[in-house]
Protein backbone atom coordinates (compact mmCIF):
# COMPACT_ATOMS: atom_id res chain seq x y z
CA MET A 1 -35.51 -39.21 -49.56
CA THR A 2 -39.15 -37.44 -49.92
CA VAL A 3 -42.19 -40.04 -49.43
CA GLN A 4 -45.13 -38.99 -51.55
CA PRO A 5 -48.46 -39.05 -49.52
CA ALA A 6 -50.75 -41.79 -50.78
CA LEU A 7 -53.41 -41.37 -53.57
CA PRO A 8 -56.76 -41.23 -52.20
CA THR A 9 -59.31 -44.51 -52.94
CA LEU A 10 -61.88 -43.19 -55.59
CA ALA A 11 -65.57 -44.99 -55.41
CA PHE A 12 -67.56 -45.10 -58.54
CA ALA A 13 -70.93 -45.22 -59.13
CA SER A 14 -73.62 -44.32 -61.72
CA ASP A 15 -77.02 -45.13 -62.83
CA HIS A 16 -77.89 -47.48 -66.26
CA ALA A 17 -76.85 -43.85 -68.53
CA GLY A 18 -73.44 -43.56 -67.23
CA VAL A 19 -72.00 -47.15 -67.07
CA GLU A 20 -69.51 -46.40 -70.17
CA LEU A 21 -68.22 -43.32 -69.09
CA ARG A 22 -67.70 -44.65 -65.44
CA ALA A 23 -65.54 -47.33 -66.71
CA HIS A 24 -63.79 -44.92 -69.11
CA LEU A 25 -62.95 -42.73 -66.24
CA ARG A 26 -62.36 -45.69 -63.88
CA ALA A 27 -59.71 -46.76 -65.96
CA GLN A 28 -58.12 -43.15 -66.57
CA ALA A 29 -57.88 -42.80 -62.70
CA GLU A 30 -56.03 -46.31 -62.23
CA ALA A 31 -53.78 -45.40 -64.96
CA TRP A 32 -52.99 -42.29 -63.07
CA GLY A 33 -52.19 -44.61 -59.87
CA TYR A 34 -55.87 -44.39 -57.92
CA ALA A 35 -57.29 -47.18 -56.00
CA THR A 36 -60.72 -47.39 -57.26
CA VAL A 37 -63.76 -48.89 -55.96
CA ASP A 38 -66.63 -49.24 -58.43
CA LEU A 39 -69.89 -49.71 -56.99
CA GLY A 40 -72.01 -50.54 -60.16
CA PRO A 41 -74.09 -50.91 -61.78
CA ASP A 42 -73.36 -53.42 -64.08
CA ALA A 43 -74.11 -52.84 -68.23
CA GLY A 44 -77.43 -53.73 -69.14
CA GLN A 45 -79.46 -52.89 -65.80
CA SER A 46 -81.84 -50.30 -65.41
CA VAL A 47 -81.40 -48.81 -62.42
CA ASP A 48 -82.35 -46.02 -59.84
CA TYR A 49 -79.81 -43.49 -59.68
CA PRO A 50 -80.59 -42.05 -56.23
CA ASP A 51 -79.41 -46.18 -54.75
CA TYR A 52 -76.14 -45.48 -56.10
CA ALA A 53 -75.73 -42.33 -54.80
CA GLY A 54 -76.52 -43.94 -51.49
CA LYS A 55 -74.03 -46.42 -52.27
CA LEU A 56 -71.60 -44.11 -52.85
CA ALA A 57 -72.46 -41.84 -49.95
CA GLU A 58 -72.04 -45.04 -47.94
CA ALA A 59 -68.39 -45.58 -49.36
CA LEU A 60 -67.28 -42.53 -48.62
CA ASN A 61 -68.74 -42.30 -45.02
CA SER A 62 -67.04 -45.96 -43.87
CA GLY A 63 -64.72 -46.55 -46.45
CA PRO A 64 -62.73 -47.59 -48.24
CA ALA A 65 -62.62 -43.92 -50.46
CA THR A 66 -62.30 -40.64 -49.53
CA LEU A 67 -63.60 -39.02 -53.02
CA GLY A 68 -66.18 -40.22 -55.49
CA VAL A 69 -67.60 -39.92 -59.07
CA LEU A 70 -71.23 -40.07 -59.86
CA ILE A 71 -72.40 -40.31 -63.07
CA CYS A 72 -76.41 -40.00 -64.52
CA GLY A 73 -77.77 -39.29 -67.60
CA SER A 74 -77.73 -35.49 -67.20
CA GLY A 75 -75.68 -35.32 -64.05
CA ILE A 76 -78.51 -33.30 -61.93
CA GLY A 77 -80.60 -36.17 -60.40
CA ILE A 78 -77.60 -37.87 -59.18
CA SER A 79 -76.19 -34.68 -58.02
CA ILE A 80 -79.30 -34.06 -55.96
CA ALA A 81 -79.29 -37.64 -54.57
CA ALA A 82 -75.82 -37.04 -53.66
CA ASN A 83 -75.92 -34.20 -51.82
CA ARG A 84 -78.94 -35.26 -49.43
CA HIS A 85 -76.41 -36.91 -47.37
CA ALA A 86 -74.59 -34.50 -45.26
CA HIS A 87 -71.34 -35.93 -45.48
CA ILE A 88 -71.24 -35.47 -48.99
CA ARG A 89 -70.19 -32.24 -51.11
CA ALA A 90 -71.35 -33.54 -54.94
CA ALA A 91 -70.33 -30.99 -57.80
CA LEU A 92 -71.95 -31.43 -60.90
CA VAL A 93 -68.91 -30.15 -63.44
CA SER A 94 -69.01 -29.76 -67.28
CA GLU A 95 -65.30 -28.96 -67.57
CA ALA A 96 -61.90 -28.45 -65.94
CA LEU A 97 -62.35 -25.44 -64.63
CA SER A 98 -65.42 -26.05 -62.97
CA ALA A 99 -63.76 -29.13 -61.66
CA ARG A 100 -60.80 -27.16 -60.19
CA LEU A 101 -63.19 -24.43 -58.62
CA ALA A 102 -65.51 -27.22 -56.93
CA ARG A 103 -62.46 -28.48 -55.21
CA GLU A 104 -60.22 -25.16 -54.88
CA HIS A 105 -63.26 -22.78 -53.06
CA ASN A 106 -66.09 -25.54 -52.00
CA ASN A 107 -64.03 -28.78 -51.01
CA ALA A 108 -65.97 -30.79 -53.05
CA ASN A 109 -65.63 -34.53 -52.21
CA VAL A 110 -67.97 -35.91 -55.27
CA ILE A 111 -67.50 -34.82 -58.81
CA VAL A 112 -70.47 -35.63 -61.10
CA PHE A 113 -70.95 -35.98 -64.54
CA GLY A 114 -73.57 -35.91 -67.09
CA ALA A 115 -73.01 -38.90 -69.27
CA ARG A 116 -75.50 -37.43 -72.07
CA LEU A 117 -73.75 -34.07 -71.83
CA ILE A 118 -69.79 -34.56 -71.78
CA GLY A 119 -67.40 -36.53 -73.75
CA PRO A 120 -65.16 -38.58 -72.13
CA ASP A 121 -61.91 -37.02 -72.63
CA LEU A 122 -63.55 -33.89 -71.83
CA ALA A 123 -64.92 -35.84 -68.60
CA ALA A 124 -61.48 -37.41 -67.75
CA ASP A 125 -59.23 -33.28 -68.13
CA ALA A 126 -61.96 -32.67 -65.31
CA LEU A 127 -61.69 -35.46 -63.80
CA LYS A 128 -57.75 -34.89 -63.51
CA GLN A 129 -58.28 -31.36 -62.49
CA PHE A 130 -60.53 -32.12 -59.49
CA LEU A 131 -58.21 -35.05 -57.87
CA THR A 132 -55.04 -32.32 -58.32
CA THR A 133 -56.80 -29.72 -56.84
CA PRO A 134 -56.31 -28.90 -53.28
CA PHE A 135 -58.87 -27.13 -51.20
CA ASP A 136 -57.73 -23.37 -50.51
CA GLY A 137 -58.18 -23.57 -47.06
CA GLY A 138 -58.75 -20.00 -46.59
CA GLU A 139 -60.58 -18.35 -43.87
CA ARG A 140 -63.19 -17.17 -46.73
CA HIS A 141 -63.48 -20.54 -47.91
CA ALA A 142 -63.18 -22.64 -44.82
CA ARG A 143 -66.02 -20.42 -43.53
CA ARG A 144 -68.53 -20.58 -46.46
CA VAL A 145 -67.68 -24.80 -46.00
CA ALA A 146 -68.79 -25.00 -42.73
CA LYS A 147 -71.63 -23.38 -43.18
CA LEU A 148 -72.94 -26.43 -45.46
CA GLY A 149 -73.29 -28.59 -42.53
């Protein structure tokens, strides 16, 4: 009997612009069998994206999550905020190919979406690709990722 490795726990956070997409993607991830942690915010709150990027960074640093999903209106601000944390490699993606390459070449541990720039189905496709693509681990990519810090 082959034992399948446990799926990673995913942390989800957004600003107010990403609440609906966050709920959609979290539901998709749970339907695929992933455990999830929702770091907020609740709908109707106006919040600052750096605070929620920080919450996700902490969840990846101390557990329980090993991969993260961040969302803001454009995805740009929350990506910048997340990448200020040394252990985070956040990649803003717009479709499944960039999601695959973020994992395969850059060993990204956080996928980022712009809620105002991507639809829920395209975002779900990209998330699935991100979650199912392993890091290539070859010398060339490993050397470059090591230089990130």
